Each structure stands twice: as structure tokens, then as C-alpha cells.
């Protein structure tokens, strides 16, 4: 039972086991959860993010071990938590949700400094930290884009 619950949390209710691009599916699941809480971030978003991050730091490593790899692709709790950071404090709009999603996925693939280095940290921390950094980077890029968008 513990193994099933670990896998359920790590794959975020099996979104990570969808065919093709599990990280994208996990990010989409996270975005849908974010939007289900309401498009404007608030205390509920913070509580859910904290819960996701805590679950990820506790379970991402053990969930990956179930799949026999250090950072197994089906484990997407890191993407789900990370996407919450993308939209923190961002004015909600369809444009920014689409841009934020794309930026986050690109940054998660490219892994700019220090994300690539953090990915090498052992256990759950390494699985989680690179995605959280990419979420912060995407948030900062969205803020810069918002300045230009509002200025035109």
C-alpha cells in the first residue's frame, strides 16, 4: 500500500505515466490544479504549493526508486510544484498562462544555471530543486514580458 501511495503521489495521480512527454503532462496537471484554485494566486495557492513541495521533497526519490532510476520520467510531482511558482504574483490572463507554461517547459528542458547543477543533488532534493529554480526563472521572465506588454 505504501508503494502504491508513493507512486500515486510521485506520478501525480498517474499523470506522469501518460504516453509521451511525462514532464509536459505533469506541468499541465499542475497548471490545471492552479487554475482550479482560481486564476489569481492567494493563500490557497500557497498552501497547495507548500503541500506539493513537501510531498515532492519526501516522495520524489522513493517514487523514482520504484521505477529503478534516479530521476524517473514518470515522477512529475516536481513539475506540478514548479509550475505554481511560474504564476506566483503574475496578473492572470490567458496569454500569460500560455507563455508561462511554454517558458517553464523550455527552461525545464534547457536547465539554466544553477538548475542543471542542482539536478545532481542526491535524492528527492535533486529531483525537486531544478524544477523549482526553473519555475522561479519562468516567473521572472513573465514579469519582464509583463512590463513590455503593459507598456505598449
N, C-alpha and C. Protein backbone atom coordinates (compact mmCIF):
# COMPACT_ATOMS: atom_id res chain seq x y z
N UNK A 1 0.82 -1.19 0.00
CA UNK A 1 0.00 0.00 0.00
C UNK A 1 0.86 1.26 0.00
N UNK A 2 1.95 1.24 0.80
CA UNK A 2 2.85 2.39 0.86
C UNK A 2 3.47 2.65 -0.52
N UNK A 3 3.84 1.57 -1.19
CA UNK A 3 4.44 1.68 -2.52
C UNK A 3 3.44 2.32 -3.51
N UNK A 4 2.20 1.91 -3.46
CA UNK A 4 1.17 2.46 -4.34
C UNK A 4 0.94 3.95 -4.06
N UNK A 5 0.86 4.33 -2.79
CA UNK A 5 0.66 5.74 -2.44
C UNK A 5 1.86 6.60 -2.84
N UNK A 6 3.06 6.06 -2.69
CA UNK A 6 4.26 6.77 -3.11
C UNK A 6 4.24 6.99 -4.62
N UNK A 7 3.89 5.95 -5.35
CA UNK A 7 3.81 6.05 -6.80
C UNK A 7 2.69 7.02 -7.21
N UNK A 8 1.56 6.96 -6.54
CA UNK A 8 0.43 7.83 -6.83
C UNK A 8 0.83 9.30 -6.66
N UNK A 9 1.50 9.61 -5.57
CA UNK A 9 1.93 10.99 -5.32
C UNK A 9 3.04 11.40 -6.29
N UNK A 10 4.02 10.54 -6.47
CA UNK A 10 5.17 10.88 -7.33
C UNK A 10 4.77 11.11 -8.78
N UNK A 11 3.82 10.31 -9.27
CA UNK A 11 3.36 10.46 -10.65
C UNK A 11 2.20 11.44 -10.75
N UNK A 12 1.85 12.04 -9.65
CA UNK A 12 0.71 12.94 -9.52
C UNK A 12 -0.54 12.31 -10.13
N UNK A 13 -1.00 11.30 -9.44
CA UNK A 13 -2.21 10.57 -9.83
C UNK A 13 -2.07 9.97 -11.23
N UNK A 14 -0.84 9.48 -11.51
CA UNK A 14 -0.50 8.76 -12.74
C UNK A 14 -0.42 9.64 -13.99
N UNK A 15 -0.46 10.98 -13.84
CA UNK A 15 -0.24 11.85 -14.99
C UNK A 15 1.13 11.59 -15.61
N UNK A 16 2.10 11.27 -14.78
CA UNK A 16 3.45 11.02 -15.26
C UNK A 16 3.57 9.75 -16.07
N UNK A 17 2.56 8.91 -16.03
CA UNK A 17 2.59 7.68 -16.81
C UNK A 17 1.81 7.80 -18.12
N UNK A 18 1.40 9.02 -18.44
CA UNK A 18 0.76 9.24 -19.74
C UNK A 18 1.81 9.01 -20.83
N UNK A 19 1.39 8.55 -22.00
CA UNK A 19 2.37 8.31 -23.05
C UNK A 19 2.97 9.62 -23.56
N UNK A 20 4.24 9.60 -23.84
CA UNK A 20 4.97 10.73 -24.42
C UNK A 20 5.00 11.95 -23.49
N UNK A 21 6.14 12.51 -23.32
CA UNK A 21 6.37 13.78 -22.62
C UNK A 21 5.74 13.85 -21.23
N UNK A 22 6.15 12.98 -20.32
CA UNK A 22 5.53 12.99 -18.99
C UNK A 22 5.71 14.31 -18.25
N UNK A 23 6.83 14.99 -18.43
CA UNK A 23 7.02 16.29 -17.77
C UNK A 23 6.01 17.32 -18.22
N UNK A 24 5.66 17.26 -19.49
CA UNK A 24 4.65 18.19 -20.02
C UNK A 24 3.28 17.87 -19.44
N UNK A 25 2.96 16.59 -19.35
CA UNK A 25 1.68 16.19 -18.74
C UNK A 25 1.63 16.61 -17.28
N UNK A 26 2.73 16.42 -16.57
CA UNK A 26 2.78 16.84 -15.16
C UNK A 26 2.62 18.34 -15.01
N UNK A 27 3.28 19.10 -15.90
CA UNK A 27 3.14 20.56 -15.87
C UNK A 27 1.71 20.98 -16.17
N UNK A 28 1.08 20.30 -17.13
CA UNK A 28 -0.30 20.60 -17.47
C UNK A 28 -1.22 20.29 -16.29
N UNK A 29 -0.99 19.17 -15.63
CA UNK A 29 -1.78 18.83 -14.44
C UNK A 29 -1.62 19.90 -13.37
N UNK A 30 -0.39 20.37 -13.18
CA UNK A 30 -0.14 21.43 -12.20
C UNK A 30 -0.84 22.72 -12.57
N UNK A 31 -0.80 23.07 -13.86
CA UNK A 31 -1.49 24.28 -14.31
C UNK A 31 -3.00 24.16 -14.10
N UNK A 32 -3.55 23.01 -14.42
CA UNK A 32 -4.99 22.80 -14.22
C UNK A 32 -5.36 22.91 -12.74
N UNK A 33 -4.53 22.35 -11.88
CA UNK A 33 -4.77 22.46 -10.44
C UNK A 33 -4.68 23.92 -10.01
N UNK A 34 -3.67 24.62 -10.50
CA UNK A 34 -3.52 26.04 -10.19
C UNK A 34 -4.78 26.81 -10.57
N UNK A 35 -5.26 26.58 -11.80
CA UNK A 35 -6.45 27.28 -12.29
C UNK A 35 -7.71 26.86 -11.54
N UNK A 36 -7.78 25.60 -11.12
CA UNK A 36 -8.94 25.13 -10.37
C UNK A 36 -9.08 25.85 -9.04
N UNK A 37 -7.96 26.31 -8.51
CA UNK A 37 -7.97 27.06 -7.25
C UNK A 37 -8.36 28.52 -7.48
N UNK A 38 -8.50 28.91 -8.74
CA UNK A 38 -8.79 30.29 -9.11
C UNK A 38 -7.58 30.87 -9.81
N UNK A 39 -7.78 31.71 -10.81
CA UNK A 39 -6.65 32.19 -11.60
C UNK A 39 -5.73 33.15 -10.84
N UNK A 40 -6.24 33.79 -9.80
CA UNK A 40 -5.40 34.71 -9.04
C UNK A 40 -4.82 33.98 -7.84
N UNK A 41 -3.50 34.00 -7.74
CA UNK A 41 -2.84 33.32 -6.63
C UNK A 41 -3.25 33.91 -5.29
N UNK A 42 -3.28 33.09 -4.29
CA UNK A 42 -3.64 33.55 -2.96
C UNK A 42 -3.15 32.55 -1.93
N UNK A 43 -3.72 32.62 -0.76
CA UNK A 43 -3.30 31.75 0.33
C UNK A 43 -3.56 30.28 0.00
N UNK A 44 -4.65 30.00 -0.73
CA UNK A 44 -4.93 28.62 -1.14
C UNK A 44 -3.85 28.09 -2.06
N UNK A 45 -3.39 28.91 -2.99
CA UNK A 45 -2.31 28.52 -3.90
C UNK A 45 -1.02 28.26 -3.12
N UNK A 46 -0.76 29.13 -2.15
CA UNK A 46 0.44 28.96 -1.32
C UNK A 46 0.38 27.66 -0.53
N UNK A 47 -0.78 27.37 0.04
CA UNK A 47 -0.93 26.14 0.83
C UNK A 47 -0.78 24.90 -0.05
N UNK A 48 -1.36 24.93 -1.24
CA UNK A 48 -1.24 23.78 -2.15
C UNK A 48 0.20 23.64 -2.62
N UNK A 49 0.85 24.76 -2.97
CA UNK A 49 2.25 24.70 -3.39
C UNK A 49 3.11 24.10 -2.27
N UNK A 50 2.92 24.59 -1.05
CA UNK A 50 3.71 24.08 0.08
C UNK A 50 3.48 22.58 0.28
N UNK A 51 2.24 22.15 0.13
CA UNK A 51 1.93 20.72 0.26
C UNK A 51 2.58 19.90 -0.84
N UNK A 52 2.51 20.42 -2.07
CA UNK A 52 3.14 19.72 -3.20
C UNK A 52 4.66 19.65 -3.03
N UNK A 53 5.25 20.76 -2.62
CA UNK A 53 6.70 20.79 -2.44
C UNK A 53 7.13 19.84 -1.33
N UNK A 54 6.41 19.85 -0.22
CA UNK A 54 6.72 18.94 0.89
C UNK A 54 6.59 17.49 0.43
N UNK A 55 5.48 17.18 -0.25
CA UNK A 55 5.30 15.81 -0.75
C UNK A 55 6.42 15.45 -1.72
N UNK A 56 6.80 16.38 -2.57
CA UNK A 56 7.88 16.12 -3.52
C UNK A 56 9.21 15.86 -2.83
N UNK A 57 9.55 16.69 -1.85
CA UNK A 57 10.82 16.51 -1.14
C UNK A 57 10.84 15.21 -0.34
N UNK A 58 9.68 14.76 0.08
CA UNK A 58 9.61 13.49 0.82
C UNK A 58 9.53 12.27 -0.09
N UNK A 59 8.85 12.39 -1.24
CA UNK A 59 8.48 11.21 -2.01
C UNK A 59 9.08 11.08 -3.41
N UNK A 60 9.65 12.15 -3.97
CA UNK A 60 10.16 12.06 -5.34
C UNK A 60 11.27 11.01 -5.46
N UNK A 61 12.18 10.99 -4.52
CA UNK A 61 13.26 9.99 -4.55
C UNK A 61 12.74 8.58 -4.41
N UNK A 62 11.93 8.30 -3.38
CA UNK A 62 11.36 6.95 -3.27
C UNK A 62 10.49 6.56 -4.46
N UNK A 63 9.75 7.50 -5.04
CA UNK A 63 8.93 7.18 -6.22
C UNK A 63 9.82 6.85 -7.41
N UNK A 64 10.91 7.58 -7.57
CA UNK A 64 11.84 7.28 -8.65
C UNK A 64 12.47 5.90 -8.46
N UNK A 65 12.75 5.55 -7.21
CA UNK A 65 13.33 4.24 -6.93
C UNK A 65 12.38 3.11 -7.35
N UNK A 66 11.08 3.35 -7.26
CA UNK A 66 10.10 2.35 -7.70
C UNK A 66 10.31 2.05 -9.19
N UNK A 67 10.66 3.10 -9.95
CA UNK A 67 10.88 2.94 -11.39
C UNK A 67 12.32 2.54 -11.72
N UNK A 68 13.17 2.46 -10.69
CA UNK A 68 14.54 1.99 -10.88
C UNK A 68 15.50 3.01 -11.46
N UNK A 69 15.18 4.30 -11.34
CA UNK A 69 16.06 5.36 -11.87
C UNK A 69 16.15 6.49 -10.86
N UNK A 70 17.23 7.30 -10.96
CA UNK A 70 17.44 8.40 -10.04
C UNK A 70 16.34 9.46 -10.18
N UNK A 71 16.07 9.89 -11.39
CA UNK A 71 15.03 10.89 -11.64
C UNK A 71 14.14 10.34 -12.75
N UNK A 72 13.32 9.37 -12.38
CA UNK A 72 12.49 8.66 -13.35
C UNK A 72 11.50 9.62 -14.00
N UNK A 73 11.35 9.51 -15.30
CA UNK A 73 10.47 10.40 -16.06
C UNK A 73 9.01 10.38 -15.57
N UNK A 74 8.46 9.26 -15.16
CA UNK A 74 7.06 9.29 -14.69
C UNK A 74 6.84 10.09 -13.41
N UNK A 75 7.91 10.37 -12.66
CA UNK A 75 7.78 11.14 -11.42
C UNK A 75 7.70 12.62 -11.80
N UNK A 76 6.50 13.19 -11.66
CA UNK A 76 6.25 14.55 -12.13
C UNK A 76 5.79 15.49 -11.00
N UNK A 77 5.86 15.05 -9.76
CA UNK A 77 5.47 15.92 -8.66
C UNK A 77 6.31 17.20 -8.67
N UNK A 78 7.54 17.11 -9.18
CA UNK A 78 8.41 18.28 -9.27
C UNK A 78 7.89 19.30 -10.28
N UNK A 79 7.38 18.83 -11.41
CA UNK A 79 6.80 19.73 -12.40
C UNK A 79 5.50 20.36 -11.88
N UNK A 80 4.71 19.57 -11.18
CA UNK A 80 3.44 20.08 -10.64
C UNK A 80 3.73 21.20 -9.65
N UNK A 81 4.68 20.99 -8.75
CA UNK A 81 5.02 22.03 -7.77
C UNK A 81 5.67 23.23 -8.46
N UNK A 82 6.57 22.97 -9.38
CA UNK A 82 7.32 24.04 -10.03
C UNK A 82 6.44 25.02 -10.79
N UNK A 83 5.41 24.52 -11.44
CA UNK A 83 4.57 25.42 -12.23
C UNK A 83 3.79 26.40 -11.36
N UNK A 84 3.58 26.06 -10.10
CA UNK A 84 2.92 27.01 -9.20
C UNK A 84 3.78 28.26 -9.03
N UNK A 85 5.10 28.10 -9.04
CA UNK A 85 5.99 29.25 -8.89
C UNK A 85 5.97 30.14 -10.12
N UNK A 86 5.69 29.57 -11.28
CA UNK A 86 5.68 30.33 -12.53
C UNK A 86 4.68 31.48 -12.44
N UNK A 87 3.53 31.24 -11.85
CA UNK A 87 2.45 32.21 -11.89
C UNK A 87 2.28 33.00 -10.59
N UNK A 88 3.19 32.81 -9.64
CA UNK A 88 3.06 33.49 -8.36
C UNK A 88 3.20 35.01 -8.57
N UNK A 89 2.15 35.75 -8.24
CA UNK A 89 2.17 37.21 -8.33
C UNK A 89 2.02 37.75 -9.74
N UNK A 90 1.71 36.89 -10.69
CA UNK A 90 1.52 37.31 -12.09
C UNK A 90 0.04 37.61 -12.31
N UNK A 91 -0.22 38.71 -12.99
CA UNK A 91 -1.62 39.06 -13.31
C UNK A 91 -2.19 37.97 -14.21
N UNK A 92 -3.31 37.38 -13.83
CA UNK A 92 -3.84 36.27 -14.62
C UNK A 92 -4.38 36.72 -15.97
N UNK A 93 -3.96 36.01 -17.00
CA UNK A 93 -4.50 36.20 -18.34
C UNK A 93 -4.17 34.96 -19.15
N UNK A 94 -4.97 34.69 -20.14
CA UNK A 94 -4.74 33.53 -20.99
C UNK A 94 -3.35 33.60 -21.63
N UNK A 95 -2.96 34.78 -22.08
CA UNK A 95 -1.65 34.95 -22.71
C UNK A 95 -0.53 34.55 -21.75
N UNK A 96 -0.58 35.03 -20.51
CA UNK A 96 0.48 34.73 -19.56
C UNK A 96 0.46 33.28 -19.10
N UNK A 97 -0.72 32.67 -19.04
CA UNK A 97 -0.76 31.25 -18.70
C UNK A 97 -0.12 30.40 -19.80
N UNK A 98 -0.39 30.75 -21.04
CA UNK A 98 0.22 30.00 -22.17
C UNK A 98 1.72 30.27 -22.22
N UNK A 99 2.12 31.54 -22.16
CA UNK A 99 3.55 31.88 -22.19
C UNK A 99 4.30 31.25 -21.01
N UNK A 100 3.70 31.32 -19.83
CA UNK A 100 4.34 30.76 -18.64
C UNK A 100 4.54 29.26 -18.76
N UNK A 101 3.54 28.58 -19.28
CA UNK A 101 3.63 27.13 -19.47
C UNK A 101 4.77 26.80 -20.44
N UNK A 102 4.81 27.50 -21.57
CA UNK A 102 5.85 27.26 -22.58
C UNK A 102 7.24 27.59 -22.02
N UNK A 103 7.37 28.74 -21.37
CA UNK A 103 8.67 29.12 -20.79
C UNK A 103 9.14 28.09 -19.77
N UNK A 104 8.23 27.65 -18.92
CA UNK A 104 8.59 26.67 -17.90
C UNK A 104 9.08 25.37 -18.52
N UNK A 105 8.37 24.89 -19.52
CA UNK A 105 8.78 23.64 -20.18
C UNK A 105 10.15 23.81 -20.84
N UNK A 106 10.37 24.93 -21.53
CA UNK A 106 11.66 25.17 -22.18
C UNK A 106 12.79 25.25 -21.15
N UNK A 107 12.55 25.98 -20.08
CA UNK A 107 13.59 26.10 -19.05
C UNK A 107 13.85 24.77 -18.37
N UNK A 108 12.81 23.97 -18.17
CA UNK A 108 12.99 22.65 -17.55
C UNK A 108 13.80 21.72 -18.45
N UNK A 109 13.69 21.92 -19.75
CA UNK A 109 14.47 21.11 -20.69
C UNK A 109 15.92 21.60 -20.76
N UNK A 110 16.09 22.92 -20.87
CA UNK A 110 17.43 23.51 -21.01
C UNK A 110 18.19 23.50 -19.69
N UNK A 111 17.48 23.72 -18.59
CA UNK A 111 18.04 23.75 -17.24
C UNK A 111 19.19 24.74 -17.10
N UNK A 112 18.88 26.05 -17.15
CA UNK A 112 19.95 27.06 -16.99
C UNK A 112 20.53 27.01 -15.58
N UNK A 113 21.74 27.54 -15.45
CA UNK A 113 22.43 27.57 -14.17
C UNK A 113 21.54 28.24 -13.12
N UNK A 114 21.47 27.71 -11.94
CA UNK A 114 22.11 26.54 -11.37
C UNK A 114 21.26 25.28 -11.43
N UNK A 115 20.19 25.28 -12.24
CA UNK A 115 19.26 24.14 -12.26
C UNK A 115 19.97 22.83 -12.61
N UNK A 116 20.81 22.84 -13.63
CA UNK A 116 21.50 21.60 -14.02
C UNK A 116 22.36 21.08 -12.88
N UNK A 117 23.02 21.98 -12.18
CA UNK A 117 23.87 21.57 -11.05
C UNK A 117 23.02 21.03 -9.90
N UNK A 118 21.89 21.68 -9.64
CA UNK A 118 21.02 21.23 -8.55
C UNK A 118 20.40 19.87 -8.84
N UNK A 119 20.21 19.58 -10.11
CA UNK A 119 19.65 18.29 -10.51
C UNK A 119 20.54 17.13 -10.04
N UNK A 120 21.81 17.41 -9.84
CA UNK A 120 22.76 16.37 -9.43
C UNK A 120 22.77 16.11 -7.92
N UNK A 121 22.06 16.94 -7.16
CA UNK A 121 21.94 16.72 -5.72
C UNK A 121 21.24 15.38 -5.52
N UNK A 122 21.73 14.55 -4.60
CA UNK A 122 21.12 13.22 -4.43
C UNK A 122 19.69 13.27 -3.89
N UNK A 123 18.95 12.23 -4.22
CA UNK A 123 17.63 12.01 -3.65
C UNK A 123 16.56 12.97 -4.15
N UNK A 124 15.53 13.09 -3.34
CA UNK A 124 14.38 13.91 -3.68
C UNK A 124 14.75 15.37 -3.91
N UNK A 125 15.71 15.88 -3.17
CA UNK A 125 16.10 17.29 -3.30
C UNK A 125 16.56 17.59 -4.72
N UNK A 126 17.38 16.74 -5.30
CA UNK A 126 17.86 16.96 -6.66
C UNK A 126 16.74 16.91 -7.68
N UNK A 127 15.77 16.06 -7.44
CA UNK A 127 14.63 15.94 -8.35
C UNK A 127 13.78 17.21 -8.28
N UNK A 128 13.61 17.75 -7.09
CA UNK A 128 12.74 18.90 -6.89
C UNK A 128 13.40 20.24 -7.21
N UNK A 129 14.62 20.43 -6.78
CA UNK A 129 15.22 21.76 -6.81
C UNK A 129 15.37 22.34 -8.22
N UNK A 130 15.76 21.53 -9.20
CA UNK A 130 15.93 22.08 -10.54
C UNK A 130 14.61 22.61 -11.09
N UNK A 131 13.51 21.92 -10.83
CA UNK A 131 12.21 22.37 -11.32
C UNK A 131 11.73 23.62 -10.60
N UNK A 132 12.03 23.73 -9.32
CA UNK A 132 11.63 24.92 -8.58
C UNK A 132 12.42 26.14 -9.08
N UNK A 133 13.70 25.96 -9.36
CA UNK A 133 14.51 27.05 -9.92
C UNK A 133 13.96 27.46 -11.28
N UNK A 134 13.62 26.49 -12.11
CA UNK A 134 13.06 26.80 -13.43
C UNK A 134 11.72 27.54 -13.30
N UNK A 135 10.94 27.20 -12.30
CA UNK A 135 9.69 27.91 -12.04
C UNK A 135 9.93 29.36 -11.67
N UNK A 136 10.94 29.61 -10.85
CA UNK A 136 11.29 30.99 -10.48
C UNK A 136 11.79 31.75 -11.71
N UNK A 137 12.65 31.13 -12.51
CA UNK A 137 13.16 31.78 -13.72
C UNK A 137 12.01 32.13 -14.68
N UNK A 138 11.08 31.21 -14.87
CA UNK A 138 9.95 31.48 -15.76
C UNK A 138 9.11 32.63 -15.20
N UNK A 139 8.95 32.68 -13.89
CA UNK A 139 8.21 33.77 -13.26
C UNK A 139 8.90 35.10 -13.53
N UNK A 140 10.21 35.15 -13.39
CA UNK A 140 10.94 36.39 -13.63
C UNK A 140 10.83 36.82 -15.09
N UNK A 141 10.92 35.87 -16.01
CA UNK A 141 10.77 36.19 -17.43
C UNK A 141 9.36 36.71 -17.73
N UNK A 142 8.36 36.12 -17.13
CA UNK A 142 6.99 36.60 -17.32
C UNK A 142 6.84 38.03 -16.79
N UNK A 143 7.50 38.33 -15.70
CA UNK A 143 7.43 39.69 -15.14
C UNK A 143 8.06 40.70 -16.10
N UNK A 144 9.17 40.32 -16.71
CA UNK A 144 9.81 41.19 -17.69
C UNK A 144 8.88 41.38 -18.90
N UNK A 145 8.33 40.28 -19.39
CA UNK A 145 7.39 40.38 -20.51
C UNK A 145 6.18 41.21 -20.16
N UNK A 146 5.71 41.12 -18.93
CA UNK A 146 4.54 41.90 -18.50
C UNK A 146 4.85 43.39 -18.56
N UNK A 147 6.08 43.77 -18.24
CA UNK A 147 6.45 45.19 -18.33
C UNK A 147 6.33 45.69 -19.76
N UNK A 148 6.77 44.91 -20.71
CA UNK A 148 6.67 45.30 -22.13
C UNK A 148 5.23 45.27 -22.61
N UNK A 149 4.50 44.26 -22.17
CA UNK A 149 3.11 44.11 -22.61
C UNK A 149 2.24 45.25 -22.09
N UNK A 150 2.45 45.62 -20.83
CA UNK A 150 1.67 46.71 -20.25
C UNK A 150 2.11 48.07 -20.78
N UNK A 151 3.37 48.13 -21.21
CA UNK A 151 3.91 49.39 -21.72
C UNK A 151 3.45 49.71 -23.13
N UNK A 152 2.91 48.73 -23.87
CA UNK A 152 2.51 49.00 -25.26
C UNK A 152 1.07 49.43 -25.37
